[in-house]
Protein backbone atom coordinates (compact mmCIF):
# COMPACT_ATOMS: atom_id res chain seq x y z
CA MET A 1 92.00 157.25 116.85
CA ILE A 2 91.21 160.74 115.61
CA ASP A 3 88.05 162.23 114.16
CA THR A 4 89.75 164.45 111.58
CA PRO A 5 90.52 162.73 108.25
CA PRO A 6 94.00 163.20 106.81
CA GLN A 7 94.46 166.24 104.60
CA ARG A 8 95.15 165.46 100.98
CA ARG A 9 98.20 167.02 99.43
CA PRO A 10 97.48 170.02 97.20
CA TRP A 11 98.54 168.14 94.08
CA ALA A 12 96.58 164.96 94.89
CA ARG A 13 93.49 165.93 92.88
CA ASN A 14 91.03 163.78 91.00
CA TYR A 15 90.88 163.89 87.23
CA ILE A 16 87.78 166.08 87.19
CA GLN A 17 89.72 168.79 88.97
CA ARG A 18 92.69 168.25 86.67
CA PHE A 19 90.58 168.92 83.57
CA ALA A 20 88.90 171.90 85.21
CA ASP A 21 92.29 173.62 85.60
CA VAL A 22 93.01 173.60 81.86
CA GLU A 23 91.17 175.98 79.57
CA MET A 24 89.32 174.16 76.79
CA ALA A 25 85.94 174.11 75.09
CA ASP A 26 83.22 172.57 77.25
CA PRO A 27 82.25 169.90 74.66
CA ILE A 28 85.89 168.78 74.40
CA ARG A 29 86.22 168.71 78.21
CA GLU A 30 83.05 166.63 78.43
CA ALA A 31 84.30 164.18 75.80
CA LEU A 32 87.71 163.79 77.45
CA LEU A 33 86.22 163.36 80.92
CA ARG A 34 83.85 160.70 79.64
CA TYR A 35 86.72 158.89 77.92
CA VAL A 36 88.96 158.98 81.00
CA THR A 37 86.09 157.80 83.21
CA VAL A 38 85.52 154.76 81.00
CA ARG A 39 89.21 153.95 80.75
CA ALA A 40 89.68 154.36 84.52
CA ALA A 41 87.40 151.36 85.04
CA VAL A 42 90.05 149.02 83.57
CA LEU A 43 93.32 150.88 84.20
CA ARG A 44 95.49 151.20 87.27
CA PRO A 45 95.57 154.62 88.96
CA LYS A 46 99.06 155.37 87.66
CA SER A 47 97.97 154.50 84.12
CA VAL A 48 95.01 156.83 84.43
CA GLU A 49 97.34 159.58 85.62
CA SER A 50 99.59 159.01 82.62
CA LEU A 51 96.60 159.11 80.29
CA ILE A 52 95.48 162.45 81.74
CA ASN A 53 99.00 163.83 81.43
CA ASP A 54 98.92 162.95 77.73
CA LEU A 55 95.46 164.30 76.94
CA LEU A 56 95.76 167.65 78.74
CA PRO A 57 98.53 168.96 76.44
CA PHE A 58 96.42 168.01 73.42
CA ALA A 59 93.46 169.95 74.77
CA ASP A 60 95.75 172.85 75.67
CA TYR A 61 97.13 172.92 72.13
CA LEU A 62 93.68 172.99 70.55
CA THR A 63 92.61 175.86 72.81
CA THR A 64 95.71 177.90 72.04
CA ALA A 65 96.33 177.17 68.36
CA HIS A 66 92.83 176.33 67.11
CA PRO A 67 90.19 177.94 69.32
CA GLU A 68 87.64 177.46 66.56
CA VAL A 69 87.71 173.70 67.21
CA THR A 70 85.10 173.21 69.93
CA TYR A 71 84.19 169.59 69.13
CA LEU A 72 86.48 166.65 68.48
CA GLU A 73 84.40 165.86 65.40
CA ASN A 74 85.66 169.12 63.87
CA LEU A 75 89.25 167.91 63.93
CA ALA A 76 91.02 167.71 60.59
CA ARG A 77 94.34 166.31 59.55
CA ARG A 78 95.93 169.78 59.54
CA HIS A 79 95.13 170.15 63.25
CA ILE A 80 96.84 166.83 64.01
CA GLU A 81 99.89 167.70 61.92
CA GLY A 82 100.28 170.96 63.82
CA PHE A 83 99.96 169.11 67.11
CA LEU A 84 102.61 166.56 66.12
CA VAL A 85 105.09 169.33 65.37
CA TRP A 86 104.24 171.24 68.55
CA ASN A 87 104.41 168.11 70.68
CA ARG A 88 108.04 167.48 69.75
CA ILE A 89 109.24 170.84 71.04
CA ARG A 90 106.91 171.50 73.99
CA THR A 91 108.30 171.98 77.48
CA TRP A 92 107.34 170.29 80.71
CA ARG A 93 104.11 171.25 82.40
CA GLY A 94 102.58 170.65 85.84
CA GLN A 95 104.83 169.68 88.74
CA ARG A 96 107.88 169.18 86.53
CA ALA A 97 107.63 172.61 84.88
CA ALA A 98 109.68 174.32 87.60
CA ALA A 99 112.33 171.61 87.85
CA GLY A 100 112.70 171.33 84.09
CA ALA A 101 112.28 174.97 83.16
CA GLY A 102 113.31 175.49 79.56
CA ARG A 103 113.75 171.78 78.89
CA THR A 104 111.68 169.92 76.33
CA ILE A 105 109.96 166.66 77.14
CA SER A 106 111.67 163.34 76.54
CA LYS A 107 111.18 161.16 73.48
CA ALA A 108 109.27 158.62 75.56
CA VAL A 109 106.75 161.28 76.64
CA ILE A 110 106.43 162.48 73.04
CA GLN A 111 105.58 158.96 71.90
CA SER A 112 103.23 158.31 74.81
CA THR A 113 101.27 161.50 74.08
CA VAL A 114 100.78 160.65 70.42
CA LEU A 115 99.72 157.10 71.27
CA SER A 116 97.20 158.31 73.85
CA VAL A 117 95.64 160.80 71.44
CA ARG A 118 95.48 158.18 68.70
CA ASN A 119 93.83 155.70 71.06
CA LEU A 120 91.37 158.39 72.13
CA LEU A 121 90.24 159.10 68.59
CA ASP A 122 90.15 155.42 67.62
CA ASP A 123 88.21 154.42 70.74
CA ILE A 124 85.49 157.07 70.49
CA THR A 125 85.07 156.13 66.83
CA GLU A 126 84.61 152.46 67.74
CA TRP A 127 82.20 153.43 70.53
CA GLY A 128 80.05 155.42 68.13
CA SER A 129 80.52 158.71 69.96
CA GLU A 130 78.85 161.81 68.53
CA GLN A 131 82.20 163.63 68.69
CA ALA A 132 84.11 161.01 66.73
CA PRO A 133 85.96 162.44 63.71
CA PRO A 134 84.60 161.26 60.35
CA ARG A 135 87.92 159.61 59.37
CA ARG A 136 91.16 158.38 60.92
CA LEU A 137 93.52 161.25 61.62
CA ILE A 138 96.59 159.65 63.26
CA PHE A 139 98.40 156.81 61.53
CA VAL A 140 101.16 154.41 62.52
CA ALA A 141 103.75 156.51 60.68
CA ASP A 142 102.88 159.46 62.95
CA VAL A 143 104.01 157.66 66.11
CA PRO A 144 107.62 158.66 66.95
CA LYS A 145 110.13 155.84 67.13
CA LEU A 146 112.20 155.44 70.25
CA ASP A 147 115.94 154.91 70.09
CA GLN A 148 116.99 151.29 70.42
CA PRO A 149 120.73 151.39 71.11
CA LEU A 150 122.62 148.16 70.64
CA PRO A 151 124.27 146.63 73.71
CA ARG A 152 127.94 147.39 74.07
CA ALA A 153 130.64 145.15 75.44
CA LEU A 154 132.42 146.23 78.59
CA PRO A 155 135.93 147.63 78.12
CA PRO A 156 138.67 145.11 78.99
CA ASP A 157 139.60 146.85 82.25
CA ILE A 158 135.99 146.97 83.46
CA ASP A 159 135.46 143.35 82.40
CA ALA A 160 138.54 142.30 84.37
CA ALA A 161 137.37 144.23 87.44
CA VAL A 162 133.88 142.69 87.27
CA MET A 163 135.19 139.14 86.96
CA ASN A 164 137.69 139.77 89.75
CA ALA A 165 134.79 140.79 91.99
CA VAL A 166 132.90 137.66 90.89
CA SER A 167 135.84 135.39 91.73
CA GLN A 168 135.87 136.72 95.30
CA LEU A 169 132.21 135.97 96.02
CA ASP A 170 131.78 133.52 98.88
CA ASP A 171 128.65 131.87 97.53
CA SER A 172 129.59 129.16 95.05
CA PHE A 173 126.25 129.44 93.23
CA ALA A 174 126.84 133.12 92.57
CA ARG A 175 130.50 132.74 91.67
CA ILE A 176 130.04 129.81 89.30
CA GLY A 177 126.76 131.03 87.85
CA LEU A 178 128.09 134.47 86.96
CA THR A 179 131.27 132.96 85.54
CA VAL A 180 129.29 130.68 83.22
CA LEU A 181 126.93 133.52 82.28
CA ARG A 182 129.86 135.63 81.21
CA GLY A 183 131.85 132.86 79.57
CA ALA A 184 129.01 131.36 77.51
CA GLY A 185 126.85 134.46 76.97
CA LEU A 186 123.75 132.84 78.48
CA ARG A 187 120.53 134.22 79.83
CA VAL A 188 119.65 133.34 83.41
CA GLY A 189 116.89 130.98 82.28
CA GLU A 190 119.27 129.20 79.92
CA LEU A 191 121.84 128.88 82.70
CA LEU A 192 119.39 127.26 85.11
CA ASP A 193 118.16 124.86 82.38
CA LEU A 194 121.64 123.44 81.78
CA GLU A 195 121.81 119.66 82.10
CA LEU A 196 124.74 117.42 82.96
CA ALA A 197 124.86 116.26 79.33
CA SER A 198 125.05 119.84 78.04
CA VAL A 199 128.87 119.87 78.09
CA ILE A 200 130.21 117.96 75.08
CA ASP A 201 133.87 117.23 74.37
CA TYR A 202 134.66 117.21 70.65
CA GLY A 203 138.32 116.32 71.07
CA PRO A 204 140.50 118.50 68.81
CA ALA A 205 137.57 120.88 68.28
CA GLY A 206 137.45 121.65 71.99
CA THR A 207 134.69 121.49 74.57
CA TRP A 208 131.32 122.99 73.67
CA LEU A 209 128.16 123.79 75.60
CA LYS A 210 124.78 122.80 74.23
CA VAL A 211 122.51 125.67 75.24
CA PRO A 212 118.94 124.42 75.80
CA LEU A 213 115.79 125.93 74.36
CA GLY A 214 115.48 129.48 75.59
CA ARG A 215 113.84 132.74 74.68
CA LEU A 216 114.26 132.20 70.93
CA ALA A 217 113.07 128.57 71.14
CA THR A 218 116.24 127.30 69.46
CA GLU A 219 119.22 125.26 70.59
CA HIS A 220 122.77 126.29 69.79
CA MET A 221 126.34 125.33 70.64
CA VAL A 222 128.84 127.63 72.37
CA PRO A 223 132.62 126.96 72.62
CA LEU A 224 133.88 127.06 76.19
CA SER A 225 137.03 128.61 77.55
CA ALA A 226 139.21 126.89 80.14
CA ALA A 227 137.86 129.12 82.94
CA THR A 228 134.26 128.32 82.05
CA ILE A 229 134.98 124.60 81.86
CA ALA A 230 136.66 124.75 85.27
CA ALA A 231 133.64 126.53 86.75
CA LEU A 232 131.24 123.92 85.34
CA ASP A 233 133.45 121.09 86.62
CA GLN A 234 133.46 122.68 90.07
CA ARG A 235 129.66 122.96 90.06
CA THR A 236 129.25 119.37 88.89
CA THR A 237 131.56 118.11 91.63
CA ALA A 238 129.81 120.15 94.34
CA ARG A 239 126.44 119.05 93.03
CA GLY A 240 127.09 115.41 93.84
CA VAL A 241 124.43 112.80 93.14
CA CYS A 242 120.89 114.16 93.06
CA ARG A 243 117.65 112.66 91.94
CA PRO A 244 116.40 113.80 88.50
CA LEU A 245 113.74 116.50 88.54
CA PRO A 246 110.82 117.01 86.15
CA HIS A 247 111.64 119.46 83.39
CA PRO A 248 109.25 122.46 83.57
CA ARG A 249 108.79 122.43 79.79
CA THR A 250 108.55 118.74 78.92
CA GLY A 251 107.91 117.04 82.26
CA GLU A 252 110.73 114.54 81.61
CA LEU A 253 113.08 113.66 84.46
CA THR A 254 116.25 115.70 83.95
CA ASP A 255 119.62 116.00 85.70
CA PHE A 256 120.04 119.77 86.04
CA VAL A 257 123.41 121.29 86.85
CA PHE A 258 122.23 124.02 89.18
CA VAL A 259 120.37 122.20 91.93
CA ALA A 260 120.76 122.37 95.69
CA HIS A 261 119.10 120.25 98.39
CA GLY A 262 117.08 118.46 95.74
CA ARG A 263 115.56 121.63 94.30
CA ARG A 264 116.29 123.91 91.35
CA LEU A 265 117.13 127.53 91.90
CA SER A 266 114.46 129.76 90.38
CA GLN A 267 115.26 132.46 87.84
CA SER A 268 113.94 135.24 90.06
CA GLY A 269 115.84 133.81 93.02
CA PHE A 270 119.12 133.81 91.12
CA ALA A 271 118.62 137.36 89.79
CA THR A 272 117.71 138.67 93.25
CA ASP A 273 119.82 136.66 95.68
CA TYR A 274 122.93 136.16 93.58
CA SER A 275 123.48 139.56 92.01
CA LEU A 276 126.73 141.49 92.33
CA PRO A 277 126.42 143.69 95.43
CA SER A 278 128.76 146.43 94.23
CA SER A 279 130.58 146.07 90.93
CA PRO A 280 132.33 148.63 88.72
CA ALA A 281 130.48 150.79 86.20
CA GLY A 282 127.10 150.01 87.74
CA CYS A 283 127.16 146.41 86.49
CA VAL A 284 124.79 145.01 89.08
CA GLY A 285 122.33 142.19 88.88
CA THR A 286 122.00 139.32 86.45
CA GLY A 287 118.43 139.78 85.35
CA VAL A 288 119.51 140.73 81.83
CA ARG A 289 121.56 138.95 79.22
CA PRO A 290 125.25 139.71 79.82
CA TRP A 291 127.20 141.33 76.99
CA TRP A 292 130.62 141.06 78.62
């Protein structure tokens, strides 16, 4: 036991000190501090830190580009339009300024800043603050859109290497589960909800898998390859005879495929315990829908 309390790191400051370090008009600083104090009552510390990181650049911009604006109620649309343009090309500030010298902020930070400023103006208007602007200044069309790249299939050589690593796994749950995930394009939840009656033989049309209700709340049929059918047959044989278990959605007694010792494997357990330990191209884990 010691009498001296631990020394805080130089950068571990409270938000009052953070706002004191940035030059801005006192009424604007007072309004922002009051807003952050109210929001801090319902946000996690990291969320409060992110909010401050978004509001400080806005205050810095007003001080530099529009020093005549000393109250938030004096804001006009032209001020916001200038801020939106400046925000897209601004560089890092604070601790990341040195590491990212000369580099502009990411698109995610650009969007987060605009959203935080919009929420600020909307909230103080709803609260009836004296500094609330007389009209809405930031609209939905002003919020930058983030890129949403489509998933890409693995190249054939990477796909072959991944499945070769899967085939060498000692745990049968992992080996069979990942094989069926890849072969039928299932989500983990859909895989664990498979029932014994899900595999249907249509004769000349081949063997198909009836995928249960999943994320999209719809059922669909998937044709199965010989390797996927063999994996499901192996799991069914190893499963043996088990008592039916209540379905988590309907409560009806159901014969699930992936059960062990009378219990179902949970989705989080499968994603954590039965992920690929080291596979090519960083293809680790099964917590996302496979696009192999």
